[in-house]
């Protein structure tokens, strides 16, 4: 495998990682809207605030997981680029 094939493969993977990240982010925002909006309305109508507290906690855990996953993917990509750069020099 030559450098061109390797670079093309990593470029394709980088694009896939970006796309997956964008899809996950969009799904997370949509889920937050779908979960948090009805919970907020329910809390205002009934005066019970437990559902919104649980929804916010769930949202926080989901965001933490998403950001942790995206950070790990970015670190992996940076390490791979650094390795490729070091081996080419």
PDB file of N, CA and C in Angstrom:
ATOM      1  N   UNK A   1       0.847  -1.167   0.000  1.00  0.00           N
ATOM      2  CA  UNK A   1       0.000   0.000   0.000  1.00  0.00           C
ATOM      3  C   UNK A   1       0.894   1.232   0.000  1.00  0.00           C
ATOM      4  N   UNK A   2       0.675   2.140  -0.929  1.00  0.00           N
ATOM      5  CA  UNK A   2       1.501   3.340  -0.985  1.00  0.00           C
ATOM      6  C   UNK A   2       0.886   4.473  -0.161  1.00  0.00           C
ATOM      7  N   UNK A   3       1.591   5.593  -0.095  1.00  0.00           N
ATOM      8  CA  UNK A   3       1.143   6.714   0.736  1.00  0.00           C
ATOM      9  C   UNK A   3      -0.164   7.311   0.224  1.00  0.00           C
ATOM     10  N   UNK A   4      -0.358   7.299  -1.093  1.00  0.00           N
ATOM     11  CA  UNK A   4      -1.579   7.872  -1.652  1.00  0.00           C
ATOM     12  C   UNK A   4      -2.800   7.091  -1.199  1.00  0.00           C
ATOM     13  N   UNK A   5      -2.722   5.776  -1.263  1.00  0.00           N
ATOM     14  CA  UNK A   5      -3.844   4.943  -0.833  1.00  0.00           C
ATOM     15  C   UNK A   5      -4.107   5.136   0.650  1.00  0.00           C
ATOM     16  N   UNK A   6      -3.037   5.172   1.435  1.00  0.00           N
ATOM     17  CA  UNK A   6      -3.181   5.349   2.871  1.00  0.00           C
ATOM     18  C   UNK A   6      -3.815   6.696   3.195  1.00  0.00           C
ATOM     19  N   UNK A   7      -3.367   7.741   2.518  1.00  0.00           N
ATOM     20  CA  UNK A   7      -3.915   9.072   2.761  1.00  0.00           C
ATOM     21  C   UNK A   7      -5.375   9.136   2.344  1.00  0.00           C
ATOM     22  N   UNK A   8      -5.697   8.536   1.206  1.00  0.00           N
ATOM     23  CA  UNK A   8      -7.086   8.540   0.747  1.00  0.00           C
ATOM     24  C   UNK A   8      -7.968   7.793   1.733  1.00  0.00           C
ATOM     25  N   UNK A   9      -7.470   6.690   2.263  1.00  0.00           N
ATOM     26  CA  UNK A   9      -8.250   5.932   3.231  1.00  0.00           C
ATOM     27  C   UNK A   9      -8.498   6.721   4.499  1.00  0.00           C
ATOM     28  N   UNK A  10      -7.470   7.401   4.998  1.00  0.00           N
ATOM     29  CA  UNK A  10      -7.649   8.170   6.225  1.00  0.00           C
ATOM     30  C   UNK A  10      -8.552   9.374   5.978  1.00  0.00           C
ATOM     31  N   UNK A  11      -8.478   9.966   4.789  1.00  0.00           N
ATOM     32  CA  UNK A  11      -9.359  11.085   4.475  1.00  0.00           C
ATOM     33  C   UNK A  11     -10.804  10.623   4.463  1.00  0.00           C
ATOM     34  N   UNK A  12     -11.057   9.471   3.892  1.00  0.00           N
ATOM     35  CA  UNK A  12     -12.410   8.923   3.873  1.00  0.00           C
ATOM     36  C   UNK A  12     -12.884   8.659   5.294  1.00  0.00           C
ATOM     37  N   UNK A  13     -12.002   8.089   6.119  1.00  0.00           N
ATOM     38  CA  UNK A  13     -12.374   7.806   7.508  1.00  0.00           C
ATOM     39  C   UNK A  13     -12.616   9.094   8.282  1.00  0.00           C
ATOM     40  N   UNK A  14     -11.784  10.101   8.044  1.00  0.00           N
ATOM     41  CA  UNK A  14     -11.977  11.385   8.717  1.00  0.00           C
ATOM     42  C   UNK A  14     -13.339  11.975   8.360  1.00  0.00           C
ATOM     43  N   UNK A  15     -13.697  11.880   7.092  1.00  0.00           N
ATOM     44  CA  UNK A  15     -15.010  12.363   6.670  1.00  0.00           C
ATOM     45  C   UNK A  15     -16.134  11.586   7.318  1.00  0.00           C
ATOM     46  N   UNK A  16     -15.940  10.270   7.434  1.00  0.00           N
ATOM     47  CA  UNK A  16     -16.959   9.436   8.068  1.00  0.00           C
ATOM     48  C   UNK A  16     -17.103   9.789   9.544  1.00  0.00           C
ATOM     49  N   UNK A  17     -15.989  10.019  10.218  1.00  0.00           N
ATOM     50  CA  UNK A  17     -16.035  10.384  11.640  1.00  0.00           C
ATOM     51  C   UNK A  17     -16.750  11.720  11.818  1.00  0.00           C
ATOM     52  N   UNK A  18     -16.461  12.686  10.954  1.00  0.00           N
ATOM     53  CA  UNK A  18     -17.136  13.982  11.038  1.00  0.00           C
ATOM     54  C   UNK A  18     -18.633  13.825  10.807  1.00  0.00           C
ATOM     55  N   UNK A  19     -18.991  13.017   9.812  1.00  0.00           N
ATOM     56  CA  UNK A  19     -20.404  12.806   9.516  1.00  0.00           C
ATOM     57  C   UNK A  19     -21.108  12.128  10.677  1.00  0.00           C
ATOM     58  N   UNK A  20     -20.488  11.102  11.231  1.00  0.00           N
ATOM     59  CA  UNK A  20     -21.082  10.402  12.372  1.00  0.00           C
ATOM     60  C   UNK A  20     -21.227  11.353  13.551  1.00  0.00           C
ATOM     61  N   UNK A  21     -20.222  12.171  13.779  1.00  0.00           N
ATOM     62  CA  UNK A  21     -20.301  13.156  14.861  1.00  0.00           C
ATOM     63  C   UNK A  21     -21.448  14.130  14.660  1.00  0.00           C
ATOM     64  N   UNK A  22     -21.615  14.603  13.441  1.00  0.00           N
ATOM     65  CA  UNK A  22     -22.713  15.535  13.152  1.00  0.00           C
ATOM     66  C   UNK A  22     -24.069  14.865  13.334  1.00  0.00           C
ATOM     67  N   UNK A  23     -24.181  13.621  12.887  1.00  0.00           N
ATOM     68  CA  UNK A  23     -25.444  12.894  13.044  1.00  0.00           C
ATOM     69  C   UNK A  23     -25.749  12.689  14.523  1.00  0.00           C
ATOM     70  N   UNK A  24     -24.739  12.284  15.297  1.00  0.00           N
ATOM     71  CA  UNK A  24     -24.948  12.093  16.734  1.00  0.00           C
ATOM     72  C   UNK A  24     -25.357  13.396  17.410  1.00  0.00           C
ATOM     73  N   UNK A  25     -24.708  14.482  17.034  1.00  0.00           N
ATOM     74  CA  UNK A  25     -25.040  15.777  17.618  1.00  0.00           C
ATOM     75  C   UNK A  25     -26.468  16.183  17.271  1.00  0.00           C
ATOM     76  N   UNK A  26     -26.865  15.994  16.027  1.00  0.00           N
ATOM     77  CA  UNK A  26     -28.227  16.319  15.605  1.00  0.00           C
ATOM     78  C   UNK A  26     -29.246  15.462  16.342  1.00  0.00           C
ATOM     79  N   UNK A  27     -28.965  14.164  16.459  1.00  0.00           N
ATOM     80  CA  UNK A  27     -29.875  13.283  17.189  1.00  0.00           C
ATOM     81  C   UNK A  27     -29.969  13.674  18.659  1.00  0.00           C
ATOM     82  N   UNK A  28     -28.852  14.080  19.235  1.00  0.00           N
ATOM     83  CA  UNK A  28     -28.854  14.476  20.638  1.00  0.00           C
ATOM     84  C   UNK A  28     -29.703  15.725  20.846  1.00  0.00           C
ATOM     85  N   UNK A  29     -29.568  16.692  19.956  1.00  0.00           N
ATOM     86  CA  UNK A  29     -30.367  17.914  20.071  1.00  0.00           C
ATOM     87  C   UNK A  29     -31.846  17.589  19.890  1.00  0.00           C
ATOM     88  N   UNK A  30     -32.164  16.758  18.907  1.00  0.00           N
ATOM     89  CA  UNK A  30     -33.559  16.373  18.676  1.00  0.00           C
ATOM     90  C   UNK A  30     -34.127  15.631  19.882  1.00  0.00           C
ATOM     91  N   UNK A  31     -33.339  14.736  20.455  1.00  0.00           N
ATOM     92  CA  UNK A  31     -33.794  13.991  21.628  1.00  0.00           C
ATOM     93  C   UNK A  31     -34.036  14.934  22.798  1.00  0.00           C
ATOM     94  N   UNK A  32     -33.144  15.895  22.970  1.00  0.00           N
ATOM     95  CA  UNK A  32     -33.334  16.856  24.055  1.00  0.00           C
ATOM     96  C   UNK A  32     -34.619  17.648  23.873  1.00  0.00           C
ATOM     97  N   UNK A  33     -34.890  18.073  22.653  1.00  0.00           N
ATOM     98  CA  UNK A  33     -36.117  18.826  22.393  1.00  0.00           C
ATOM     99  C   UNK A  33     -37.335  17.944  22.640  1.00  0.00           C
ATOM    100  N   UNK A  34     -37.282  16.709  22.155  1.00  0.00           N
ATOM    101  CA  UNK A  34     -38.419  15.800  22.304  1.00  0.00           C
ATOM    102  C   UNK A  34     -38.660  15.436  23.767  1.00  0.00           C
ATOM    103  N   UNK A  35     -37.599  15.295  24.549  1.00  0.00           N
ATOM    104  CA  UNK A  35     -37.746  14.886  25.949  1.00  0.00           C
ATOM    105  C   UNK A  35     -37.967  16.086  26.865  1.00  0.00           C
ATOM    106  N   UNK A  36     -37.178  17.132  26.692  1.00  0.00           N
ATOM    107  CA  UNK A  36     -37.231  18.244  27.637  1.00  0.00           C
ATOM    108  C   UNK A  36     -38.467  19.125  27.476  1.00  0.00           C
ATOM    109  N   UNK A  37     -38.902  19.355  26.257  1.00  0.00           N
ATOM    110  CA  UNK A  37     -40.055  20.232  26.046  1.00  0.00           C
ATOM    111  C   UNK A  37     -41.329  19.670  26.692  1.00  0.00           C
ATOM    112  N   UNK A  38     -41.694  18.407  26.440  1.00  0.00           N
ATOM    113  CA  UNK A  38     -42.888  17.879  27.110  1.00  0.00           C
ATOM    114  C   UNK A  38     -42.734  17.815  28.631  1.00  0.00           C
ATOM    115  N   UNK A  39     -41.528  17.512  29.099  1.00  0.00           N
ATOM    116  CA  UNK A  39     -41.313  17.463  30.547  1.00  0.00           C
ATOM    117  C   UNK A  39     -41.518  18.844  31.160  1.00  0.00           C
ATOM    118  N   UNK A  40     -41.030  19.874  30.484  1.00  0.00           N
ATOM    119  CA  UNK A  40     -41.209  21.235  30.995  1.00  0.00           C
ATOM    120  C   UNK A  40     -42.680  21.632  31.011  1.00  0.00           C
ATOM    121  N   UNK A  41     -43.394  21.305  29.954  1.00  0.00           N
ATOM    122  CA  UNK A  41     -44.830  21.611  29.900  1.00  0.00           C
ATOM    123  C   UNK A  41     -45.564  20.872  31.012  1.00  0.00           C
ATOM    124  N   UNK A  42     -45.250  19.600  31.201  1.00  0.00           N
ATOM    125  CA  UNK A  42     -45.881  18.808  32.258  1.00  0.00           C
ATOM    126  C   UNK A  42     -45.617  19.435  33.624  1.00  0.00           C
ATOM    127  N   UNK A  43     -44.385  19.888  33.846  1.00  0.00           N
ATOM    128  CA  UNK A  43     -44.032  20.481  35.137  1.00  0.00           C
ATOM    129  C   UNK A  43     -44.798  21.774  35.383  1.00  0.00           C
ATOM    130  N   UNK A  44     -44.945  22.579  34.350  1.00  0.00           N
ATOM    131  CA  UNK A  44     -45.674  23.838  34.506  1.00  0.00           C
ATOM    132  C   UNK A  44     -47.147  23.567  34.780  1.00  0.00           C
ATOM    133  N   UNK A  45     -47.714  22.598  34.084  1.00  0.00           N
ATOM    134  CA  UNK A  45     -49.138  22.305  34.243  1.00  0.00           C
ATOM    135  C   UNK A  45     -49.435  21.691  35.607  1.00  0.00           C
ATOM    136  N   UNK A  46     -48.630  20.732  36.029  1.00  0.00           N
ATOM    137  CA  UNK A  46     -48.925  19.980  37.253  1.00  0.00           C
ATOM    138  C   UNK A  46     -48.220  20.515  38.493  1.00  0.00           C
ATOM    139  N   UNK A  47     -47.155  21.267  38.320  1.00  0.00           N
ATOM    140  CA  UNK A  47     -46.402  21.746  39.473  1.00  0.00           C
ATOM    141  C   UNK A  47     -45.435  20.713  40.027  1.00  0.00           C
ATOM    142  N   UNK A  48     -45.301  19.579  39.367  1.00  0.00           N
ATOM    143  CA  UNK A  48     -44.347  18.551  39.798  1.00  0.00           C
ATOM    144  C   UNK A  48     -43.063  18.726  38.987  1.00  0.00           C
ATOM    145  N   UNK A  49     -41.964  18.879  39.683  1.00  0.00           N
ATOM    146  CA  UNK A  49     -40.716  19.196  38.995  1.00  0.00           C
ATOM    147  C   UNK A  49     -39.762  18.016  38.880  1.00  0.00           C
ATOM    148  N   UNK A  50     -40.154  16.869  39.380  1.00  0.00           N
ATOM    149  CA  UNK A  50     -39.294  15.685  39.270  1.00  0.00           C
ATOM    150  C   UNK A  50     -39.026  15.299  37.814  1.00  0.00           C
ATOM    151  N   UNK A  51     -40.028  15.292  36.922  1.00  0.00           N
ATOM    152  CA  UNK A  51     -39.749  14.896  35.529  1.00  0.00           C
ATOM    153  C   UNK A  51     -38.714  15.784  34.839  1.00  0.00           C
ATOM    154  N   UNK A  52     -38.750  17.086  35.084  1.00  0.00           N
ATOM    155  CA  UNK A  52     -37.780  17.957  34.414  1.00  0.00           C
ATOM    156  C   UNK A  52     -36.390  17.749  35.000  1.00  0.00           C
ATOM    157  N   UNK A  53     -36.311  17.480  36.294  1.00  0.00           N
ATOM    158  CA  UNK A  53     -35.006  17.211  36.910  1.00  0.00           C
ATOM    159  C   UNK A  53     -34.419  15.924  36.339  1.00  0.00           C
ATOM    160  N   UNK A  54     -35.240  14.892  36.218  1.00  0.00           N
ATOM    161  CA  UNK A  54     -34.785  13.621  35.647  1.00  0.00           C
ATOM    162  C   UNK A  54     -34.399  13.811  34.183  1.00  0.00           C
ATOM    163  N   UNK A  55     -35.181  14.575  33.442  1.00  0.00           N
ATOM    164  CA  UNK A  55     -34.879  14.816  32.026  1.00  0.00           C
ATOM    165  C   UNK A  55     -33.572  15.575  31.853  1.00  0.00           C
ATOM    166  N   UNK A  56     -33.339  16.564  32.690  1.00  0.00           N
ATOM    167  CA  UNK A  56     -32.088  17.323  32.603  1.00  0.00           C
ATOM    168  C   UNK A  56     -30.903  16.434  32.962  1.00  0.00           C
ATOM    169  N   UNK A  57     -31.075  15.587  33.981  1.00  0.00           N
ATOM    170  CA  UNK A  57     -29.993  14.665  34.355  1.00  0.00           C
ATOM    171  C   UNK A  57     -29.701  13.693  33.216  1.00  0.00           C
ATOM    172  N   UNK A  58     -30.745  13.142  32.609  1.00  0.00           N
ATOM    173  CA  UNK A  58     -30.578  12.226  31.483  1.00  0.00           C
ATOM    174  C   UNK A  58     -29.888  12.933  30.321  1.00  0.00           C
ATOM    175  N   UNK A  59     -30.303  14.147  30.052  1.00  0.00           N
ATOM    176  CA  UNK A  59     -29.691  14.931  28.984  1.00  0.00           C
ATOM    177  C   UNK A  59     -28.214  15.173  29.268  1.00  0.00           C
ATOM    178  N   UNK A  60     -27.895  15.485  30.504  1.00  0.00           N
ATOM    179  CA  UNK A  60     -26.500  15.709  30.877  1.00  0.00           C
ATOM    180  C   UNK A  60     -25.644  14.480  30.675  1.00  0.00           C
ATOM    181  N   UNK A  61     -26.172  13.327  31.045  1.00  0.00           N
ATOM    182  CA  UNK A  61     -25.434  12.073  30.853  1.00  0.00           C
ATOM    183  C   UNK A  61     -25.229  11.803  29.364  1.00  0.00           C
ATOM    184  N   UNK A  62     -26.262  12.032  28.567  1.00  0.00           N
ATOM    185  CA  UNK A  62     -26.145  11.815  27.118  1.00  0.00           C
ATOM    186  C   UNK A  62     -25.113  12.753  26.501  1.00  0.00           C
ATOM    187  N   UNK A  63     -25.143  14.023  26.890  1.00  0.00           N
ATOM    188  CA  UNK A  63     -24.159  14.973  26.369  1.00  0.00           C
ATOM    189  C   UNK A  63     -22.758  14.576  26.793  1.00  0.00           C
ATOM    190  N   UNK A  64     -22.585  14.165  28.040  1.00  0.00           N
ATOM    191  CA  UNK A  64     -21.271  13.750  28.528  1.00  0.00           C
ATOM    192  C   UNK A  64     -20.747  12.584  27.693  1.00  0.00           C
ATOM    193  N   UNK A  65     -21.612  11.590  27.442  1.00  0.00           N
ATOM    194  CA  UNK A  65     -21.213  10.426  26.650  1.00  0.00           C
ATOM    195  C   UNK A  65     -20.852  10.834  25.228  1.00  0.00           C
ATOM    196  N   UNK A  66     -21.666  11.685  24.617  1.00  0.00           N
ATOM    197  CA  UNK A  66     -21.406  12.130  23.247  1.00  0.00           C
ATOM    198  C   UNK A  66     -20.081  12.884  23.153  1.00  0.00           C
ATOM    199  N   UNK A  67     -19.868  13.829  24.048  1.00  0.00           N
ATOM    200  CA  UNK A  67     -18.635  14.613  23.996  1.00  0.00           C
ATOM    201  C   UNK A  67     -17.417  13.756  24.297  1.00  0.00           C
ATOM    202  N   UNK A  68     -17.551  12.813  25.207  1.00  0.00           N
ATOM    203  CA  UNK A  68     -16.443  11.901  25.511  1.00  0.00           C
ATOM    204  C   UNK A  68     -16.088  11.056  24.286  1.00  0.00           C
ATOM    205  N   UNK A  69     -17.117  10.569  23.590  1.00  0.00           N
ATOM    206  CA  UNK A  69     -16.896   9.758  22.389  1.00  0.00           C
ATOM    207  C   UNK A  69     -16.233  10.580  21.287  1.00  0.00           C
ATOM    208  N   UNK A  70     -16.740  11.781  21.057  1.00  0.00           N
ATOM    209  CA  UNK A  70     -16.162  12.630  20.015  1.00  0.00           C
ATOM    210  C   UNK A  70     -14.729  13.029  20.357  1.00  0.00           C
ATOM    211  N   UNK A  71     -14.454  13.292  21.631  1.00  0.00           N
ATOM    212  CA  UNK A  71     -13.085  13.634  22.032  1.00  0.00           C
ATOM    213  C   UNK A  71     -12.142  12.454  21.807  1.00  0.00           C
ATOM    214  N   UNK A  72     -12.606  11.248  22.135  1.00  0.00           N
ATOM    215  CA  UNK A  72     -11.771  10.061  21.924  1.00  0.00           C
ATOM    216  C   UNK A  72     -11.484   9.859  20.440  1.00  0.00           C
ATOM    217  N   UNK A  73     -12.492  10.065  19.595  1.00  0.00           N
ATOM    218  CA  UNK A  73     -12.282   9.933  18.150  1.00  0.00           C
ATOM    219  C   UNK A  73     -11.298  10.985  17.646  1.00  0.00           C
ATOM    220  N   UNK A  74     -11.417  12.207  18.139  1.00  0.00           N
ATOM    221  CA  UNK A  74     -10.497  13.267  17.709  1.00  0.00           C
ATOM    222  C   UNK A  74      -9.070  12.971  18.161  1.00  0.00           C
ATOM    223  N   UNK A  75      -8.906  12.488  19.381  1.00  0.00           N
ATOM    224  CA  UNK A  75      -7.563  12.152  19.868  1.00  0.00           C
ATOM    225  C   UNK A  75      -6.961  11.007  19.067  1.00  0.00           C
ATOM    226  N   UNK A  76      -7.784  10.038  18.729  1.00  0.00           N
ATOM    227  CA  UNK A  76      -7.304   8.911  17.932  1.00  0.00           C
ATOM    228  C   UNK A  76      -6.859   9.395  16.551  1.00  0.00           C
ATOM    229  N   UNK A  77      -7.646  10.286  15.961  1.00  0.00           N
ATOM    230  CA  UNK A  77      -7.308  10.821  14.644  1.00  0.00           C
ATOM    231  C   UNK A  77      -6.021  11.639  14.703  1.00  0.00           C
ATOM    232  N   UNK A  78      -5.865  12.466  15.746  1.00  0.00           N
ATOM    233  CA  UNK A  78      -4.635  13.256  15.896  1.00  0.00           C
ATOM    234  C   UNK A  78      -3.421  12.358  16.075  1.00  0.00           C
ATOM    235  N   UNK A  79      -3.570  11.304  16.880  1.00  0.00           N
ATOM    236  CA  UNK A  79      -2.450  10.385  17.101  1.00  0.00           C
ATOM    237  C   UNK A  79      -2.065   9.689  15.801  1.00  0.00           C
ATOM    238  N   UNK A  80      -3.063   9.315  15.019  1.00  0.00           N
ATOM    239  CA  UNK A  80      -2.786   8.643  13.750  1.00  0.00           C
ATOM    240  C   UNK A  80      -2.077   9.589  12.783  1.00  0.00           C
ATOM    241  N   UNK A  81      -2.526  10.847  12.729  1.00  0.00           N
ATOM    242  CA  UNK A  81      -1.874  11.821  11.853  1.00  0.00           C
ATOM    243  C   UNK A  81      -0.444  12.081  12.303  1.00  0.00           C
ATOM    244  N   UNK A  82      -0.229  12.155  13.615  1.00  0.00           N
ATOM    245  CA  UNK A  82       1.124  12.375  14.128  1.00  0.00           C
ATOM    246  C   UNK A  82       2.025  11.195  13.788  1.00  0.00           C
ATOM    247  N   UNK A  83       1.493   9.989  13.895  1.00  0.00           N
ATOM    248  CA  UNK A  83       2.266   8.797  13.559  1.00  0.00           C
ATOM    249  C   UNK A  83       2.608   8.781  12.075  1.00  0.00           C
ATOM    250  N   UNK A  84       1.638   9.102  11.228  1.00  0.00           N
ATOM    251  CA  UNK A  84       1.891   9.134   9.788  1.00  0.00           C
ATOM    252  C   UNK A  84       2.915  10.211   9.456  1.00  0.00           C
ATOM    253  N   UNK A  85       2.824  11.347  10.118  1.00  0.00           N
ATOM    254  CA  UNK A  85       3.776  12.434   9.887  1.00  0.00           C
ATOM    255  C   UNK A  85       5.177  12.027  10.324  1.00  0.00           C
ATOM    256  N   UNK A  86       5.278  11.338  11.443  1.00  0.00           N
ATOM    257  CA  UNK A  86       6.586  10.914  11.954  1.00  0.00           C
ATOM    258  C   UNK A  86       7.211   9.847  11.061  1.00  0.00           C
ATOM    259  N   UNK A  87       6.394   8.957  10.513  1.00  0.00           N
ATOM    260  CA  UNK A  87       6.938   7.896   9.670  1.00  0.00           C
ATOM    261  C   UNK A  87       7.328   8.409   8.287  1.00  0.00           C
ATOM    262  N   UNK A  88       6.722   9.501   7.835  1.00  0.00           N
ATOM    263  CA  UNK A  88       7.066  10.056   6.524  1.00  0.00           C
ATOM    264  C   UNK A  88       8.350  10.868   6.575  1.00  0.00           C
ATOM    265  N   UNK A  89       8.709  11.364   7.742  1.00  0.00           N
ATOM    266  CA  UNK A  89       9.931  12.195   7.861  1.00  0.00           C
ATOM    267  C   UNK A  89      11.150  11.385   8.080  1.00  0.00           C
TER     268      UNK A  89
END
